[in-house]
Amino acid sequence: MTSFIRKLCAKFMVPTALQGHQELHDITFKEKSNHLPGRKLNIGFTTRAKLNRLLDGGDITPRQTETFNKDALAFLIKAVEYALQKLPV
């Protein structure tokens, strides 16, 4: 499960924040300075392409894109919290 949690963290954290931590509980995944900017979050190729297409087409605003990225980040943080609490490590 260690690799699963590290992969999950890699979707929203800067690589330097993940390096050098032997214990998963030592990873400071909630600290904002360790988070990637919204446009760099790994939300999947198809999702990112659709989001960009909607933005370029004027169907959504840049503010809505920011809100989506913020909510995606919150989801990923909660997923890591849940994994640390419930999965055997």
C-alpha atoms as a PDB file:
ATOM      1  CA  MET A   1       0.000   0.000   0.000  1.00  0.00           C
ATOM      2  CA  THR A   2       2.974   2.285   0.405  1.00  0.00           C
ATOM      3  CA  SER A   3       3.408   2.612  -3.343  1.00  0.00           C
ATOM      4  CA  PHE A   4      -0.317   3.333  -3.781  1.00  0.00           C
ATOM      5  CA  ILE A   5      -0.231   6.200  -1.293  1.00  0.00           C
ATOM      6  CA  ARG A   6       2.966   7.594  -2.800  1.00  0.00           C
ATOM      7  CA  LYS A   7       1.399   7.484  -6.281  1.00  0.00           C
ATOM      8  CA  LEU A   8      -1.665   9.246  -4.943  1.00  0.00           C
ATOM      9  CA  CYS A   9       0.503  11.947  -3.365  1.00  0.00           C
ATOM     10  CA  ALA A  10       2.450  12.344  -6.604  1.00  0.00           C
ATOM     11  CA  LYS A  11      -0.746  13.490  -8.324  1.00  0.00           C
ATOM     12  CA  PHE A  12      -0.832  16.725  -6.349  1.00  0.00           C
ATOM     13  CA  MET A  13       2.511  17.219  -4.590  1.00  0.00           C
ATOM     14  CA  VAL A  14       5.796  18.643  -5.808  1.00  0.00           C
ATOM     15  CA  PRO A  15       8.367  15.861  -6.219  1.00  0.00           C
ATOM     16  CA  THR A  16      10.815  17.359  -3.719  1.00  0.00           C
ATOM     17  CA  ALA A  17       8.187  17.116  -0.964  1.00  0.00           C
ATOM     18  CA  LEU A  18       7.946  13.354  -1.479  1.00  0.00           C
ATOM     19  CA  GLN A  19      11.660  12.641  -1.587  1.00  0.00           C
ATOM     20  CA  GLY A  20      13.495  11.535   1.493  1.00  0.00           C
ATOM     21  CA  HIS A  21      10.499  10.397   3.527  1.00  0.00           C
ATOM     22  CA  GLN A  22      10.786   6.797   4.649  1.00  0.00           C
ATOM     23  CA  GLU A  23       7.556   6.799   6.647  1.00  0.00           C
ATOM     24  CA  LEU A  24       4.283   7.701   4.969  1.00  0.00           C
ATOM     25  CA  HIS A  25       3.112   9.574   8.040  1.00  0.00           C
ATOM     26  CA  ASP A  26       6.084  11.936   7.659  1.00  0.00           C
ATOM     27  CA  ILE A  27       4.853  13.214   4.290  1.00  0.00           C
ATOM     28  CA  THR A  28       3.378  16.679   4.764  1.00  0.00           C
ATOM     29  CA  PHE A  29       0.682  16.317   2.132  1.00  0.00           C
ATOM     30  CA  LYS A  30      -1.614  18.934   3.695  1.00  0.00           C
ATOM     31  CA  GLU A  31       0.952  21.726   3.555  1.00  0.00           C
ATOM     32  CA  LYS A  32       0.055  24.145   0.763  1.00  0.00           C
ATOM     33  CA  SER A  33       3.660  24.852  -0.149  1.00  0.00           C
ATOM     34  CA  ASN A  34       3.993  21.179  -1.129  1.00  0.00           C
ATOM     35  CA  HIS A  35       1.058  21.268  -3.557  1.00  0.00           C
ATOM     36  CA  LEU A  36       1.315  21.602  -7.294  1.00  0.00           C
ATOM     37  CA  PRO A  37      -0.444  24.578  -8.880  1.00  0.00           C
ATOM     38  CA  GLY A  38      -3.946  23.787 -10.160  1.00  0.00           C
ATOM     39  CA  ARG A  39      -2.989  23.549 -13.810  1.00  0.00           C
ATOM     40  CA  LYS A  40      -0.303  20.981 -12.922  1.00  0.00           C
ATOM     41  CA  LEU A  41      -2.519  18.631 -10.907  1.00  0.00           C
ATOM     42  CA  ASN A  42      -2.618  15.148 -12.356  1.00  0.00           C
ATOM     43  CA  ILE A  43      -6.344  14.774 -12.964  1.00  0.00           C
ATOM     44  CA  GLY A  44      -5.954  12.560 -16.000  1.00  0.00           C
ATOM     45  CA  PHE A  45      -5.354  13.317 -19.645  1.00  0.00           C
ATOM     46  CA  THR A  46      -8.982  13.072 -20.760  1.00  0.00           C
ATOM     47  CA  THR A  47     -10.279  15.208 -17.907  1.00  0.00           C
ATOM     48  CA  ARG A  48      -7.632  17.883 -18.479  1.00  0.00           C
ATOM     49  CA  ALA A  49      -8.314  17.905 -22.234  1.00  0.00           C
ATOM     50  CA  LYS A  50     -12.070  18.236 -21.681  1.00  0.00           C
ATOM     51  CA  LEU A  51     -11.563  21.008 -19.136  1.00  0.00           C
ATOM     52  CA  ASN A  52      -9.320  22.917 -21.551  1.00  0.00           C
ATOM     53  CA  ARG A  53     -11.759  22.374 -24.417  1.00  0.00           C
ATOM     54  CA  LEU A  54     -14.648  23.720 -22.330  1.00  0.00           C
ATOM     55  CA  LEU A  55     -12.566  26.703 -21.263  1.00  0.00           C
ATOM     56  CA  ASP A  56     -11.428  27.468 -24.811  1.00  0.00           C
ATOM     57  CA  GLY A  57     -14.988  27.138 -26.093  1.00  0.00           C
ATOM     58  CA  GLY A  58     -16.276  29.608 -23.539  1.00  0.00           C
ATOM     59  CA  ASP A  59     -18.530  27.029 -21.896  1.00  0.00           C
ATOM     60  CA  ILE A  60     -16.824  27.553 -18.542  1.00  0.00           C
ATOM     61  CA  THR A  61     -14.992  30.508 -17.049  1.00  0.00           C
ATOM     62  CA  PRO A  62     -11.431  30.596 -15.721  1.00  0.00           C
ATOM     63  CA  ARG A  63     -12.972  30.962 -12.262  1.00  0.00           C
ATOM     64  CA  GLN A  64     -14.865  27.693 -12.717  1.00  0.00           C
ATOM     65  CA  THR A  65     -11.636  26.031 -13.811  1.00  0.00           C
ATOM     66  CA  GLU A  66      -9.923  27.276 -10.646  1.00  0.00           C
ATOM     67  CA  THR A  67     -12.806  25.974  -8.556  1.00  0.00           C
ATOM     68  CA  PHE A  68     -12.570  22.584 -10.242  1.00  0.00           C
ATOM     69  CA  ASN A  69      -8.822  22.404  -9.594  1.00  0.00           C
ATOM     70  CA  LYS A  70      -9.288  23.446  -5.964  1.00  0.00           C
ATOM     71  CA  ASP A  71     -11.968  20.805  -5.449  1.00  0.00           C
ATOM     72  CA  ALA A  72      -9.862  18.145  -7.185  1.00  0.00           C
ATOM     73  CA  LEU A  73      -6.992  18.980  -4.833  1.00  0.00           C
ATOM     74  CA  ALA A  74      -9.297  18.720  -1.816  1.00  0.00           C
ATOM     75  CA  PHE A  75     -10.492  15.327  -3.057  1.00  0.00           C
ATOM     76  CA  LEU A  76      -6.942  14.034  -3.470  1.00  0.00           C
ATOM     77  CA  ILE A  77      -5.962  15.227   0.007  1.00  0.00           C
ATOM     78  CA  LYS A  78      -8.999  13.487   1.517  1.00  0.00           C
ATOM     79  CA  ALA A  79      -8.164  10.337  -0.438  1.00  0.00           C
ATOM     80  CA  VAL A  80      -4.666  10.268   1.072  1.00  0.00           C
ATOM     81  CA  GLU A  81      -6.080  10.882   4.560  1.00  0.00           C
ATOM     82  CA  TYR A  82      -8.538   8.028   4.104  1.00  0.00           C
ATOM     83  CA  ALA A  83      -5.873   5.698   2.733  1.00  0.00           C
ATOM     84  CA  LEU A  84      -3.560   6.409   5.661  1.00  0.00           C
ATOM     85  CA  GLN A  85      -6.362   5.724   8.139  1.00  0.00           C
ATOM     86  CA  LYS A  86      -7.949   2.663   6.570  1.00  0.00           C
ATOM     87  CA  LEU A  87      -5.345   0.804   4.538  1.00  0.00           C
ATOM     88  CA  PRO A  88      -2.667  -1.392   6.063  1.00  0.00           C
ATOM     89  CA  VAL A  89       0.766   0.156   5.638  1.00  0.00           C
END
